[in-house]
Amino acid sequence: MSGDSEHESINSLGVFAAAIAVSAWGLSGVIAKDIDMTGIAIGAYRFAAYGLVVAALMAARGSRLSRYALRKSFLGGMALGIDVALFFTAVKLTTVANATVIGSLQPIVVAVTAARMFGERVARRDILLGAVALGGVATIVLAARDTEGWSLGGDFLAAGALFAWSAYFIFAKKAKEDISSSEYTVGAALWCGIFNFAAGLAFDQGMGWPSSSSWVGVLILAFGAGLLGHEMMNWSIQQIPLWISSTLTLLIPVVSATAAWIFLGESLLPIQVAAMGVVLLALGGIVARQTGIGARPRPLRR
């Protein structure tokens, strides 16, 4: 196999992993909204459960989480903790569609940072396709103002989560120089759980032991969005440019809004459905360009 072919294969797997991750994340807001707990409590128990269980499994396999890995995942864990606290509180106040759509503005923050910190360059055609997807996302959130359940305060919390979420991606990219994606994911999860427990106690958020029905939702979030979401995304970030991973998060509001319509009865306007189609087509164009789908075969080089 040539070096070019191997690179394209890794690139395709990285994009595929990121797509699975954002689809899992798209469902997390819907699940969280239906859990009878505060947003901060959900984040605390979800990430503590995931981090402790996976760390124990790693230790059983003879690969204990080191203090070095915990140090290197600290900043990412704090960023994730802030994001989770703000985002899960936001979905309790405003529509799931709005909370996820605002968070999907992340590619703007990440693309600028990635260009400066990691030297990543984005082709003009991909910038154009990203702008089209962003326009579709903006249409979804602006149209939601006329739907039941919208809250300006919830939207502001979602905006705060946006910047914390962007920082989490950036710290994940930087951590690849020192620790594996699995170590980073587990370490960040533990720090996130600690942060949310502390924040919940400080702000009297009702951190009591969850009911059995709430535990079902918490564990689905922990090992569904946790394994399929954070684990696969952190791996993909090490395989593909950061801006591609970030741009694919624009798929999250499409999944979230559709799931909220099906399972929570949140309304979707025709213009929002059309905008979702635009987002999917634009993201499909970026993925096709980056993975070589539909491209003419190139001669092998030594």
Protein backbone atom coordinates (compact mmCIF):
# COMPACT_ATOMS: atom_id res chain seq x y z
CA MET A 1 0.00 0.00 0.00
CA SER A 2 1.32 3.42 -0.88
CA GLY A 3 1.72 6.20 1.64
CA ASP A 4 -1.03 8.18 -0.10
CA SER A 5 -3.52 5.33 0.10
CA GLU A 6 -2.77 4.74 3.76
CA HIS A 7 -3.26 8.44 4.54
CA GLU A 8 -6.63 8.48 2.76
CA SER A 9 -7.74 5.37 4.69
CA ILE A 10 -6.87 6.92 8.06
CA ASN A 11 -8.54 10.16 7.00
CA SER A 12 -11.76 8.34 6.08
CA LEU A 13 -11.84 6.42 9.36
CA GLY A 14 -11.26 9.64 11.29
CA VAL A 15 -14.15 11.37 9.53
CA PHE A 16 -16.39 8.32 10.07
CA ALA A 17 -15.56 8.27 13.80
CA ALA A 18 -16.30 11.99 14.10
CA ALA A 19 -19.66 11.52 12.34
CA ILE A 20 -20.66 8.77 14.78
CA ALA A 21 -19.57 10.95 17.70
CA VAL A 22 -21.63 13.98 16.72
CA SER A 23 -24.67 11.78 16.06
CA ALA A 24 -24.39 10.39 19.61
CA TRP A 25 -23.98 13.90 21.00
CA GLY A 26 -27.04 15.03 19.06
CA LEU A 27 -29.18 12.64 21.09
CA SER A 28 -27.69 13.62 24.47
CA GLY A 29 -29.66 16.87 24.82
CA VAL A 30 -32.94 15.06 24.19
CA ILE A 31 -32.12 12.39 26.78
CA ALA A 32 -30.98 15.01 29.33
CA LYS A 33 -34.16 17.06 28.97
CA ASP A 34 -36.25 14.05 29.97
CA ILE A 35 -34.21 13.27 33.13
CA ASP A 36 -35.69 14.62 36.38
CA MET A 37 -32.42 16.17 37.59
CA THR A 38 -30.72 19.55 37.29
CA GLY A 39 -28.33 20.00 34.38
CA ILE A 40 -25.27 20.18 36.65
CA ALA A 41 -26.30 17.03 38.55
CA ILE A 42 -26.70 15.15 35.27
CA GLY A 43 -23.23 16.20 34.18
CA ALA A 44 -21.68 15.26 37.52
CA TYR A 45 -23.11 11.75 37.76
CA ARG A 46 -22.78 11.04 34.04
CA PHE A 47 -19.07 11.82 33.77
CA ALA A 48 -18.16 10.45 37.19
CA ALA A 49 -19.80 7.13 36.30
CA TYR A 50 -18.09 6.96 32.93
CA GLY A 51 -14.67 8.01 34.20
CA LEU A 52 -14.63 5.66 37.20
CA VAL A 53 -15.87 2.60 35.30
CA VAL A 54 -13.51 3.02 32.35
CA ALA A 55 -10.55 3.83 34.64
CA ALA A 56 -11.28 0.61 36.56
CA LEU A 57 -11.41 -1.38 33.31
CA MET A 58 -8.10 0.14 32.23
CA ALA A 59 -6.53 -0.83 35.56
CA ALA A 60 -7.88 -4.38 35.22
CA ARG A 61 -6.10 -4.63 31.87
CA GLY A 62 -2.86 -3.44 33.45
CA SER A 63 -3.05 0.10 32.05
CA ARG A 64 -3.73 2.34 35.04
CA LEU A 65 -4.49 6.01 34.50
CA SER A 66 -1.32 7.83 35.52
CA ARG A 67 -0.95 11.10 37.40
CA TYR A 68 0.77 12.45 34.29
CA ALA A 69 -2.34 11.70 32.20
CA LEU A 70 -4.53 13.36 34.81
CA ARG A 71 -2.35 16.49 34.70
CA LYS A 72 -2.42 16.60 30.91
CA SER A 73 -6.21 16.18 30.79
CA PHE A 74 -6.94 18.75 33.53
CA LEU A 75 -7.55 21.79 31.31
CA GLY A 76 -9.67 19.79 28.89
CA GLY A 77 -11.65 18.37 31.80
CA MET A 78 -12.32 21.82 33.24
CA ALA A 79 -13.43 23.11 29.83
CA LEU A 80 -15.70 20.09 29.42
CA GLY A 81 -17.07 20.58 32.93
CA ILE A 82 -18.03 24.19 32.22
CA ASP A 83 -19.55 23.19 28.89
CA VAL A 84 -21.62 20.38 30.40
CA ALA A 85 -22.88 22.51 33.30
CA LEU A 86 -23.97 25.32 31.00
CA PHE A 87 -25.31 23.16 28.16
CA PHE A 88 -27.42 20.76 30.22
CA THR A 89 -28.84 23.72 32.15
CA ALA A 90 -29.60 25.43 28.85
CA VAL A 91 -31.61 22.48 27.48
CA LYS A 92 -33.74 22.61 30.63
CA LEU A 93 -34.64 26.25 29.88
CA THR A 94 -34.78 26.64 26.10
CA THR A 95 -35.53 24.30 23.20
CA VAL A 96 -33.13 21.45 22.47
CA ALA A 97 -32.83 22.74 18.91
CA ASN A 98 -31.69 26.19 20.04
CA ALA A 99 -29.21 24.91 22.62
CA THR A 100 -27.53 22.57 20.15
CA VAL A 101 -27.62 24.99 17.22
CA ILE A 102 -25.89 27.74 19.22
CA GLY A 103 -23.23 25.25 20.27
CA SER A 104 -22.69 24.28 16.64
CA LEU A 105 -21.23 27.73 15.94
CA GLN A 106 -18.06 26.18 17.35
CA PRO A 107 -16.38 25.73 13.92
CA ILE A 108 -15.91 29.50 13.67
CA VAL A 109 -13.98 29.60 16.96
CA VAL A 110 -12.03 26.43 16.26
CA ALA A 111 -11.13 27.21 12.64
CA VAL A 112 -9.49 30.50 13.61
CA THR A 113 -7.65 28.93 16.55
CA ALA A 114 -6.54 25.86 14.58
CA ALA A 115 -5.07 28.04 11.85
CA ARG A 116 -2.97 29.97 14.38
CA MET A 117 -2.01 27.18 16.80
CA PHE A 118 -1.67 24.14 14.54
CA GLY A 119 -1.01 25.67 11.12
CA GLU A 120 -4.10 24.07 9.58
CA ARG A 121 -5.19 25.56 6.26
CA VAL A 122 -8.75 25.40 4.97
CA ALA A 123 -9.48 25.43 1.23
CA ARG A 124 -11.78 28.17 -0.07
CA ARG A 125 -14.34 25.66 -1.29
CA ASP A 126 -14.52 24.09 2.16
CA ILE A 127 -14.89 27.54 3.73
CA LEU A 128 -17.80 28.21 1.36
CA LEU A 129 -19.46 24.88 2.16
CA GLY A 130 -18.95 25.52 5.88
CA ALA A 131 -20.55 28.96 5.51
CA VAL A 132 -23.55 27.39 3.76
CA ALA A 133 -23.91 24.86 6.59
CA LEU A 134 -23.59 27.66 9.14
CA GLY A 135 -26.31 29.60 7.34
CA GLY A 136 -28.58 26.58 7.58
CA VAL A 137 -27.85 26.31 11.29
CA ALA A 138 -28.63 30.02 11.80
CA THR A 139 -31.96 29.54 10.02
CA ILE A 140 -32.89 26.70 12.38
CA VAL A 141 -32.21 28.77 15.52
CA LEU A 142 -33.81 32.00 14.28
CA ALA A 143 -36.98 30.19 13.25
CA ALA A 144 -37.16 28.57 16.70
CA ARG A 145 -38.00 31.94 18.28
CA ASP A 146 -41.58 31.40 17.17
CA THR A 147 -41.85 27.97 18.81
CA GLU A 148 -42.98 27.03 22.32
CA GLY A 149 -40.27 26.50 24.95
CA TRP A 150 -37.80 29.14 23.74
CA SER A 151 -35.88 31.09 26.42
CA LEU A 152 -33.39 33.94 25.96
CA GLY A 153 -31.66 33.02 29.23
CA GLY A 154 -31.24 29.45 28.04
CA ASP A 155 -29.78 30.72 24.78
CA PHE A 156 -27.20 32.80 26.68
CA LEU A 157 -26.14 29.75 28.70
CA ALA A 158 -25.77 27.81 25.45
CA ALA A 159 -23.56 30.60 24.10
CA GLY A 160 -21.29 30.28 27.14
CA ALA A 161 -21.13 26.52 26.60
CA LEU A 162 -20.03 27.20 23.02
CA PHE A 163 -16.70 28.71 24.07
CA ALA A 164 -16.03 26.04 26.69
CA TRP A 165 -16.82 23.35 24.10
CA SER A 166 -14.39 24.93 21.65
CA ALA A 167 -11.66 24.97 24.31
CA TYR A 168 -12.25 21.26 24.97
CA PHE A 169 -11.55 20.45 21.30
CA ILE A 170 -8.39 22.56 21.27
CA PHE A 171 -7.03 20.98 24.47
CA ALA A 172 -7.78 17.52 23.02
CA LYS A 173 -5.69 18.32 19.96
CA LYS A 174 -2.79 19.58 22.09
CA ALA A 175 -2.93 16.56 24.41
CA LYS A 176 -2.17 14.13 21.58
CA GLU A 177 1.50 15.09 21.89
CA ASP A 178 1.66 13.65 25.41
CA ILE A 179 -1.06 11.03 26.07
CA SER A 180 -3.37 8.68 24.16
CA SER A 181 -6.92 9.64 23.20
CA SER A 182 -8.31 7.08 25.69
CA GLU A 183 -6.25 8.51 28.56
CA TYR A 184 -7.37 12.02 27.66
CA THR A 185 -11.05 11.00 27.44
CA VAL A 186 -11.08 9.23 30.81
CA GLY A 187 -9.01 11.89 32.56
CA ALA A 188 -11.17 14.71 31.21
CA ALA A 189 -14.32 12.82 32.25
CA LEU A 190 -13.09 12.50 35.84
CA TRP A 191 -12.18 16.19 36.05
CA CYS A 192 -15.54 17.08 34.49
CA GLY A 193 -17.39 15.03 37.10
CA ILE A 194 -15.41 16.63 39.94
CA PHE A 195 -16.06 20.13 38.58
CA ASN A 196 -19.81 19.56 38.28
CA PHE A 197 -20.10 18.02 41.74
CA ALA A 198 -18.30 21.05 43.20
CA ALA A 199 -20.41 23.50 41.19
CA GLY A 200 -23.62 21.69 42.08
CA LEU A 201 -22.87 21.78 45.80
CA ALA A 202 -21.75 25.42 45.64
CA PHE A 203 -24.94 26.55 43.87
CA ASP A 204 -27.32 24.19 45.73
CA GLN A 205 -28.32 22.29 42.59
CA GLY A 206 -29.79 19.22 44.25
CA MET A 207 -26.94 16.72 44.04
CA GLY A 208 -28.75 13.90 45.86
CA TRP A 209 -28.59 10.30 44.70
CA PRO A 210 -30.57 9.89 41.44
CA SER A 211 -33.74 7.79 41.31
CA SER A 212 -33.62 4.46 39.46
CA SER A 213 -35.41 5.96 36.44
CA SER A 214 -32.97 8.89 36.37
CA TRP A 215 -30.02 6.49 36.60
CA VAL A 216 -31.18 4.83 33.38
CA GLY A 217 -30.91 8.12 31.50
CA VAL A 218 -27.62 9.04 33.19
CA LEU A 219 -26.02 5.71 32.26
CA ILE A 220 -27.26 5.94 28.68
CA LEU A 221 -25.60 9.35 28.49
CA ALA A 222 -22.44 8.08 30.16
CA PHE A 223 -21.84 5.00 28.05
CA GLY A 224 -23.70 5.99 24.89
CA ALA A 225 -22.62 9.57 24.32
CA GLY A 226 -19.49 8.85 26.36
CA LEU A 227 -18.11 5.88 24.45
CA LEU A 228 -19.57 6.70 21.04
CA GLY A 229 -19.17 10.44 21.49
CA HIS A 230 -16.09 11.55 23.41
CA GLU A 231 -13.97 8.44 22.88
CA MET A 232 -14.46 8.38 19.10
CA MET A 233 -14.18 12.15 18.67
CA ASN A 234 -10.97 12.38 20.68
CA TRP A 235 -9.53 9.59 18.56
CA SER A 236 -10.63 11.27 15.32
CA ILE A 237 -9.09 14.59 16.38
CA GLN A 238 -5.73 12.84 16.38
CA GLN A 239 -6.32 11.49 12.86
CA ILE A 240 -7.80 14.40 10.92
CA PRO A 241 -7.46 18.21 10.93
CA LEU A 242 -9.19 19.85 13.89
CA TRP A 243 -11.33 22.08 11.67
CA ILE A 244 -12.93 19.04 9.99
CA SER A 245 -13.87 17.47 13.34
CA SER A 246 -15.28 20.80 14.46
CA THR A 247 -17.22 21.41 11.24
CA LEU A 248 -18.91 18.02 11.53
CA THR A 249 -20.45 19.17 14.83
CA LEU A 250 -22.87 21.14 12.66
CA LEU A 251 -24.67 17.81 12.31
CA ILE A 252 -25.55 17.86 16.03
CA PRO A 253 -28.52 20.28 15.80
CA VAL A 254 -29.98 18.32 12.89
CA VAL A 255 -29.94 15.12 14.95
CA SER A 256 -31.12 16.93 18.11
CA ALA A 257 -33.99 18.82 16.51
CA THR A 258 -35.22 15.71 14.72
CA ALA A 259 -35.03 13.58 17.88
CA ALA A 260 -36.73 16.31 19.97
CA TRP A 261 -39.54 16.43 17.42
CA ILE A 262 -39.97 12.64 17.51
CA PHE A 263 -39.53 11.95 21.24
CA LEU A 264 -40.35 15.23 23.04
CA GLY A 265 -42.98 16.68 20.73
CA GLU A 266 -41.00 19.88 20.11
CA SER A 267 -42.30 21.52 16.96
CA LEU A 268 -40.34 21.84 13.73
CA LEU A 269 -41.25 24.44 11.14
CA PRO A 270 -40.99 23.64 7.41
CA ILE A 271 -38.20 26.21 7.04
CA GLN A 272 -36.22 24.41 9.77
CA VAL A 273 -36.60 21.09 7.98
CA ALA A 274 -35.39 22.69 4.74
CA ALA A 275 -32.43 24.24 6.57
CA MET A 276 -31.49 20.83 7.96
CA GLY A 277 -31.33 19.52 4.41
CA VAL A 278 -28.99 22.36 3.47
CA VAL A 279 -26.71 21.58 6.43
CA LEU A 280 -26.54 17.90 5.52
CA LEU A 281 -25.75 18.60 1.86
CA ALA A 282 -23.01 21.10 2.74
CA LEU A 283 -21.39 18.78 5.28
CA GLY A 284 -21.65 15.93 2.80
CA GLY A 285 -19.72 18.05 0.31
CA ILE A 286 -16.92 18.70 2.82
CA VAL A 287 -16.69 15.02 3.79
CA ALA A 288 -16.63 13.94 0.13
CA ARG A 289 -13.79 16.35 -0.64
CA GLN A 290 -11.71 15.38 2.38
CA THR A 291 -12.09 11.60 2.02
CA GLY A 292 -11.67 11.52 -1.74
CA ILE A 293 -15.17 10.18 -2.45
CA GLY A 294 -15.95 10.69 -6.08
CA ALA A 295 -12.46 11.93 -6.86
CA ARG A 296 -10.55 10.64 -9.86
CA PRO A 297 -7.90 8.05 -9.04
CA ARG A 298 -4.40 9.44 -8.74
CA PRO A 299 -1.29 7.59 -9.92
CA LEU A 300 0.70 5.90 -7.17
CA ARG A 301 3.90 7.62 -6.19
CA ARG A 302 6.99 6.09 -4.65
